Amino acid sequence: MNNIMIKIEAADNPNTPGRLLKKLATDKDDRVRYYVALNPNTPVNVLEKLATDEDYFVKLAVSKNPNTPGRLLKKLATDKDDRVRLYLALNPNTPGRLLKKLANDANDWVKKEASKKLK
């Protein structure tokens, strides 16, 4: 097994300690950062950093993470990438006030998914 696969497995494991996830969040490989962003054990301060990642796929993972706090979800609701806002609309923990905002999004897919969750 190569080094990158070991990092991905550690980033994906919900039992990985927060301090190791913090270190993995700075990895140059976006796949490692993606799995860190999805991990429910990732500390909030690490999710905050990953929410500004240059790779939209990493931001998608933050918007999907069930433990992403409301203030960070609010920030992601204004992301310029439609896909990030779409995954935010699909997150079961997105608060109703943000879903209302997303229901008026310029992107039809975002609008549709947010509106479905409001019903």
N, C-alpha and C. Protein backbone atom coordinates (compact mmCIF):
# COMPACT_ATOMS: atom_id res chain seq x y z
N MET A 1 0.86 -1.18 0.00
CA MET A 1 0.00 0.00 0.00
C MET A 1 0.90 1.24 0.00
N ASN A 2 0.58 2.19 -0.87
CA ASN A 2 1.45 3.37 -0.93
C ASN A 2 1.04 4.42 0.10
N ASN A 3 1.90 5.39 0.27
CA ASN A 3 1.74 6.43 1.29
C ASN A 3 0.42 7.20 1.16
N ILE A 4 0.03 7.53 -0.06
CA ILE A 4 -1.20 8.31 -0.25
C ILE A 4 -2.43 7.52 0.20
N MET A 5 -2.44 6.22 -0.08
CA MET A 5 -3.58 5.40 0.34
C MET A 5 -3.66 5.30 1.87
N ILE A 6 -2.53 5.26 2.52
CA ILE A 6 -2.51 5.22 3.99
C ILE A 6 -3.09 6.53 4.54
N LYS A 7 -2.69 7.65 3.94
CA LYS A 7 -3.20 8.95 4.38
C LYS A 7 -4.71 9.04 4.16
N ILE A 8 -5.17 8.57 3.00
CA ILE A 8 -6.61 8.61 2.70
C ILE A 8 -7.39 7.75 3.69
N GLU A 9 -6.87 6.56 3.98
CA GLU A 9 -7.55 5.68 4.94
C GLU A 9 -7.62 6.32 6.32
N ALA A 10 -6.54 6.96 6.74
CA ALA A 10 -6.54 7.65 8.04
C ALA A 10 -7.51 8.82 8.03
N ALA A 11 -7.52 9.59 6.94
CA ALA A 11 -8.42 10.75 6.85
C ALA A 11 -9.88 10.33 6.84
N ASP A 12 -10.17 9.15 6.31
CA ASP A 12 -11.54 8.65 6.20
C ASP A 12 -12.03 7.94 7.46
N ASN A 13 -11.12 7.55 8.33
CA ASN A 13 -11.47 6.77 9.50
C ASN A 13 -12.06 7.67 10.60
N PRO A 14 -13.31 7.41 11.02
CA PRO A 14 -13.93 8.26 12.05
C PRO A 14 -13.25 8.16 13.41
N ASN A 15 -12.35 7.19 13.58
CA ASN A 15 -11.64 7.05 14.86
C ASN A 15 -10.28 7.74 14.85
N THR A 16 -9.94 8.37 13.74
CA THR A 16 -8.67 9.10 13.68
C THR A 16 -8.74 10.32 14.60
N PRO A 17 -7.73 10.48 15.45
CA PRO A 17 -7.75 11.62 16.38
C PRO A 17 -7.72 12.97 15.65
N GLY A 18 -8.33 13.96 16.26
CA GLY A 18 -8.40 15.30 15.69
C GLY A 18 -7.04 15.89 15.36
N ARG A 19 -6.04 15.64 16.20
CA ARG A 19 -4.72 16.22 15.94
C ARG A 19 -4.09 15.67 14.68
N LEU A 20 -4.36 14.39 14.36
CA LEU A 20 -3.85 13.81 13.11
C LEU A 20 -4.65 14.35 11.92
N LEU A 21 -5.96 14.50 12.09
CA LEU A 21 -6.78 15.08 11.02
C LEU A 21 -6.33 16.50 10.71
N LYS A 22 -5.95 17.25 11.73
CA LYS A 22 -5.46 18.62 11.54
C LYS A 22 -4.20 18.60 10.66
N LYS A 23 -3.33 17.66 10.92
CA LYS A 23 -2.10 17.54 10.12
C LYS A 23 -2.43 17.11 8.69
N LEU A 24 -3.32 16.15 8.54
CA LEU A 24 -3.70 15.66 7.21
C LEU A 24 -4.42 16.73 6.39
N ALA A 25 -5.07 17.67 7.07
CA ALA A 25 -5.80 18.75 6.38
C ALA A 25 -4.87 19.67 5.61
N THR A 26 -3.58 19.60 5.89
CA THR A 26 -2.61 20.44 5.17
C THR A 26 -1.90 19.67 4.07
N ASP A 27 -2.31 18.45 3.82
CA ASP A 27 -1.66 17.63 2.81
C ASP A 27 -1.81 18.26 1.43
N LYS A 28 -0.81 18.11 0.60
CA LYS A 28 -0.87 18.69 -0.75
C LYS A 28 -1.86 17.96 -1.65
N ASP A 29 -2.18 16.72 -1.34
CA ASP A 29 -3.11 15.94 -2.16
C ASP A 29 -4.56 16.27 -1.78
N ASP A 30 -5.31 16.75 -2.75
CA ASP A 30 -6.70 17.15 -2.47
C ASP A 30 -7.57 15.98 -2.05
N ARG A 31 -7.23 14.77 -2.41
CA ARG A 31 -8.03 13.61 -1.99
C ARG A 31 -7.93 13.40 -0.49
N VAL A 32 -6.76 13.63 0.07
CA VAL A 32 -6.58 13.51 1.51
C VAL A 32 -7.41 14.59 2.22
N ARG A 33 -7.30 15.82 1.73
CA ARG A 33 -8.06 16.92 2.34
C ARG A 33 -9.57 16.69 2.22
N TYR A 34 -10.00 16.10 1.10
CA TYR A 34 -11.42 15.78 0.90
C TYR A 34 -11.93 14.85 2.01
N TYR A 35 -11.19 13.79 2.26
CA TYR A 35 -11.63 12.84 3.29
C TYR A 35 -11.55 13.42 4.69
N VAL A 36 -10.59 14.30 4.93
CA VAL A 36 -10.55 14.98 6.22
C VAL A 36 -11.81 15.84 6.38
N ALA A 37 -12.18 16.54 5.32
CA ALA A 37 -13.36 17.41 5.36
C ALA A 37 -14.65 16.63 5.58
N LEU A 38 -14.71 15.40 5.14
CA LEU A 38 -15.90 14.56 5.34
C LEU A 38 -15.95 13.91 6.72
N ASN A 39 -14.81 13.77 7.34
CA ASN A 39 -14.71 13.01 8.59
C ASN A 39 -15.48 13.70 9.72
N PRO A 40 -16.41 12.98 10.36
CA PRO A 40 -17.20 13.59 11.44
C PRO A 40 -16.38 13.93 12.68
N ASN A 41 -15.14 13.43 12.75
CA ASN A 41 -14.28 13.70 13.90
C ASN A 41 -13.36 14.90 13.66
N THR A 42 -13.46 15.52 12.50
CA THR A 42 -12.60 16.66 12.19
C THR A 42 -12.98 17.86 13.06
N PRO A 43 -12.01 18.45 13.75
CA PRO A 43 -12.30 19.62 14.59
C PRO A 43 -12.86 20.79 13.77
N VAL A 44 -13.70 21.59 14.41
CA VAL A 44 -14.35 22.72 13.74
C VAL A 44 -13.32 23.68 13.14
N ASN A 45 -12.24 23.97 13.87
CA ASN A 45 -11.25 24.92 13.33
C ASN A 45 -10.60 24.38 12.06
N VAL A 46 -10.51 23.08 11.92
CA VAL A 46 -9.96 22.47 10.71
C VAL A 46 -11.00 22.57 9.58
N LEU A 47 -12.26 22.33 9.89
CA LEU A 47 -13.32 22.49 8.88
C LEU A 47 -13.36 23.93 8.38
N GLU A 48 -13.16 24.89 9.27
CA GLU A 48 -13.15 26.30 8.87
C GLU A 48 -12.05 26.57 7.85
N LYS A 49 -10.89 25.99 8.07
CA LYS A 49 -9.78 26.17 7.13
C LYS A 49 -10.10 25.48 5.80
N LEU A 50 -10.64 24.28 5.86
CA LEU A 50 -10.95 23.53 4.64
C LEU A 50 -12.08 24.17 3.84
N ALA A 51 -12.93 24.93 4.49
CA ALA A 51 -14.03 25.61 3.80
C ALA A 51 -13.52 26.69 2.85
N THR A 52 -12.26 27.05 2.98
CA THR A 52 -11.66 28.05 2.09
C THR A 52 -10.64 27.41 1.16
N ASP A 53 -10.63 26.10 1.09
CA ASP A 53 -9.68 25.38 0.24
C ASP A 53 -9.85 25.80 -1.22
N GLU A 54 -8.75 25.80 -1.97
CA GLU A 54 -8.83 26.18 -3.38
C GLU A 54 -9.56 25.13 -4.22
N ASP A 55 -9.62 23.91 -3.72
CA ASP A 55 -10.27 22.83 -4.46
C ASP A 55 -11.75 22.76 -4.07
N TYR A 56 -12.62 22.93 -5.06
CA TYR A 56 -14.06 22.95 -4.75
C TYR A 56 -14.53 21.62 -4.17
N PHE A 57 -13.88 20.52 -4.53
CA PHE A 57 -14.27 19.20 -4.05
C PHE A 57 -14.10 19.11 -2.53
N VAL A 58 -13.07 19.76 -2.02
CA VAL A 58 -12.84 19.79 -0.57
C VAL A 58 -13.95 20.60 0.10
N LYS A 59 -14.31 21.73 -0.51
CA LYS A 59 -15.40 22.55 0.05
C LYS A 59 -16.73 21.79 -0.01
N LEU A 60 -16.92 20.98 -1.06
CA LEU A 60 -18.13 20.15 -1.13
C LEU A 60 -18.21 19.24 0.09
N ALA A 61 -17.08 18.65 0.42
CA ALA A 61 -17.05 17.73 1.56
C ALA A 61 -17.37 18.45 2.87
N VAL A 62 -16.87 19.66 3.03
CA VAL A 62 -17.20 20.43 4.24
C VAL A 62 -18.70 20.70 4.30
N SER A 63 -19.29 21.03 3.15
CA SER A 63 -20.73 21.32 3.13
C SER A 63 -21.57 20.07 3.39
N LYS A 64 -21.00 18.89 3.17
CA LYS A 64 -21.71 17.63 3.42
C LYS A 64 -21.50 17.10 4.84
N ASN A 65 -20.46 17.57 5.51
CA ASN A 65 -20.13 17.03 6.83
C ASN A 65 -21.25 17.35 7.82
N PRO A 66 -21.80 16.33 8.47
CA PRO A 66 -22.92 16.56 9.40
C PRO A 66 -22.53 17.38 10.63
N ASN A 67 -21.24 17.53 10.89
CA ASN A 67 -20.80 18.28 12.07
C ASN A 67 -20.32 19.69 11.75
N THR A 68 -20.50 20.11 10.50
CA THR A 68 -20.12 21.48 10.15
C THR A 68 -21.07 22.43 10.88
N PRO A 69 -20.53 23.36 11.67
CA PRO A 69 -21.40 24.24 12.47
C PRO A 69 -22.19 25.23 11.61
N GLY A 70 -23.28 25.71 12.16
CA GLY A 70 -24.18 26.63 11.45
C GLY A 70 -23.50 27.86 10.88
N ARG A 71 -22.56 28.45 11.63
CA ARG A 71 -21.89 29.66 11.14
C ARG A 71 -21.06 29.38 9.89
N LEU A 72 -20.52 28.17 9.80
CA LEU A 72 -19.74 27.80 8.63
C LEU A 72 -20.66 27.43 7.46
N LEU A 73 -21.79 26.81 7.76
CA LEU A 73 -22.78 26.53 6.72
C LEU A 73 -23.26 27.84 6.10
N LYS A 74 -23.45 28.85 6.96
CA LYS A 74 -23.89 30.16 6.48
C LYS A 74 -22.87 30.75 5.52
N LYS A 75 -21.61 30.62 5.84
CA LYS A 75 -20.54 31.11 4.97
C LYS A 75 -20.55 30.36 3.63
N LEU A 76 -20.72 29.05 3.69
CA LEU A 76 -20.73 28.23 2.47
C LEU A 76 -21.94 28.54 1.59
N ALA A 77 -23.01 29.06 2.18
CA ALA A 77 -24.21 29.40 1.41
C ALA A 77 -23.96 30.54 0.43
N THR A 78 -22.87 31.25 0.61
CA THR A 78 -22.53 32.34 -0.30
C THR A 78 -21.37 31.97 -1.23
N ASP A 79 -20.96 30.71 -1.22
CA ASP A 79 -19.84 30.29 -2.06
C ASP A 79 -20.19 30.50 -3.53
N LYS A 80 -19.22 30.91 -4.32
CA LYS A 80 -19.47 31.18 -5.74
C LYS A 80 -19.71 29.92 -6.54
N ASP A 81 -19.29 28.77 -6.02
CA ASP A 81 -19.46 27.51 -6.75
C ASP A 81 -20.84 26.92 -6.47
N ASP A 82 -21.62 26.75 -7.53
CA ASP A 82 -22.98 26.20 -7.41
C ASP A 82 -22.99 24.83 -6.73
N ARG A 83 -21.97 24.04 -7.00
CA ARG A 83 -21.93 22.67 -6.45
C ARG A 83 -21.80 22.69 -4.93
N VAL A 84 -21.07 23.63 -4.40
CA VAL A 84 -20.93 23.74 -2.95
C VAL A 84 -22.29 24.08 -2.33
N ARG A 85 -22.98 25.03 -2.94
CA ARG A 85 -24.31 25.41 -2.44
C ARG A 85 -25.32 24.27 -2.60
N LEU A 86 -25.19 23.49 -3.67
CA LEU A 86 -26.08 22.34 -3.87
C LEU A 86 -25.89 21.32 -2.75
N TYR A 87 -24.65 20.98 -2.44
CA TYR A 87 -24.40 20.01 -1.38
C TYR A 87 -24.84 20.56 -0.02
N LEU A 88 -24.75 21.85 0.14
CA LEU A 88 -25.24 22.47 1.36
C LEU A 88 -26.76 22.29 1.47
N ALA A 89 -27.46 22.46 0.35
CA ALA A 89 -28.91 22.26 0.33
C ALA A 89 -29.27 20.81 0.65
N LEU A 90 -28.39 19.88 0.32
CA LEU A 90 -28.63 18.46 0.56
C LEU A 90 -28.25 18.02 1.98
N ASN A 91 -27.48 18.83 2.68
CA ASN A 91 -27.03 18.48 4.03
C ASN A 91 -28.23 18.45 4.97
N PRO A 92 -28.46 17.32 5.64
CA PRO A 92 -29.63 17.22 6.52
C PRO A 92 -29.58 18.18 7.72
N ASN A 93 -28.42 18.74 8.01
CA ASN A 93 -28.29 19.65 9.15
C ASN A 93 -28.32 21.13 8.78
N THR A 94 -28.56 21.43 7.51
CA THR A 94 -28.64 22.83 7.11
C THR A 94 -29.90 23.44 7.72
N PRO A 95 -29.75 24.52 8.48
CA PRO A 95 -30.92 25.14 9.13
C PRO A 95 -31.93 25.70 8.13
N GLY A 96 -33.17 25.76 8.55
CA GLY A 96 -34.25 26.25 7.71
C GLY A 96 -34.01 27.64 7.15
N ARG A 97 -33.42 28.53 7.95
CA ARG A 97 -33.17 29.91 7.47
C ARG A 97 -32.22 29.91 6.28
N LEU A 98 -31.24 28.99 6.27
CA LEU A 98 -30.32 28.90 5.13
C LEU A 98 -30.99 28.24 3.94
N LEU A 99 -31.85 27.27 4.22
CA LEU A 99 -32.59 26.63 3.13
C LEU A 99 -33.49 27.64 2.43
N LYS A 100 -34.09 28.56 3.21
CA LYS A 100 -34.91 29.61 2.61
C LYS A 100 -34.09 30.48 1.68
N LYS A 101 -32.88 30.81 2.12
CA LYS A 101 -31.99 31.61 1.27
C LYS A 101 -31.62 30.82 0.01
N LEU A 102 -31.29 29.55 0.17
CA LEU A 102 -30.90 28.72 -0.97
C LEU A 102 -32.08 28.46 -1.91
N ALA A 103 -33.28 28.51 -1.39
CA ALA A 103 -34.47 28.32 -2.24
C ALA A 103 -34.65 29.47 -3.22
N ASN A 104 -33.92 30.56 -3.01
CA ASN A 104 -33.95 31.71 -3.92
C ASN A 104 -32.63 31.84 -4.69
N ASP A 105 -31.85 30.78 -4.71
CA ASP A 105 -30.54 30.79 -5.36
C ASP A 105 -30.68 30.99 -6.88
N ALA A 106 -29.66 31.53 -7.49
CA ALA A 106 -29.66 31.73 -8.94
C ALA A 106 -29.60 30.41 -9.71
N ASN A 107 -29.04 29.38 -9.06
CA ASN A 107 -28.93 28.07 -9.71
C ASN A 107 -30.21 27.26 -9.49
N ASP A 108 -30.78 26.74 -10.57
CA ASP A 108 -32.05 26.00 -10.48
C ASP A 108 -31.94 24.72 -9.65
N TRP A 109 -30.81 24.02 -9.73
CA TRP A 109 -30.66 22.78 -8.95
C TRP A 109 -30.62 23.08 -7.45
N VAL A 110 -29.90 24.12 -7.09
CA VAL A 110 -29.82 24.52 -5.68
C VAL A 110 -31.20 24.91 -5.19
N LYS A 111 -31.89 25.73 -5.98
CA LYS A 111 -33.24 26.17 -5.65
C LYS A 111 -34.17 24.99 -5.42
N LYS A 112 -34.13 24.03 -6.35
CA LYS A 112 -35.02 22.87 -6.30
C LYS A 112 -34.77 22.04 -5.04
N GLU A 113 -33.51 21.73 -4.75
CA GLU A 113 -33.21 20.89 -3.59
C GLU A 113 -33.54 21.59 -2.27
N ALA A 114 -33.24 22.88 -2.19
CA ALA A 114 -33.56 23.62 -0.96
C ALA A 114 -35.08 23.70 -0.77
N SER A 115 -35.80 23.94 -1.84
CA SER A 115 -37.27 24.04 -1.76
C SER A 115 -37.89 22.72 -1.34
N LYS A 116 -37.35 21.60 -1.84
CA LYS A 116 -37.87 20.27 -1.46
C LYS A 116 -37.72 20.04 0.03
N LYS A 117 -36.61 20.48 0.59
CA LYS A 117 -36.38 20.26 2.03
C LYS A 117 -37.24 21.16 2.90
N LEU A 118 -37.71 22.26 2.33
CA LEU A 118 -38.55 23.17 3.10
C LEU A 118 -39.99 22.69 3.22
N LYS A 119 -40.37 21.77 2.35
CA LYS A 119 -41.78 21.29 2.34
C LYS A 119 -42.04 20.33 3.47
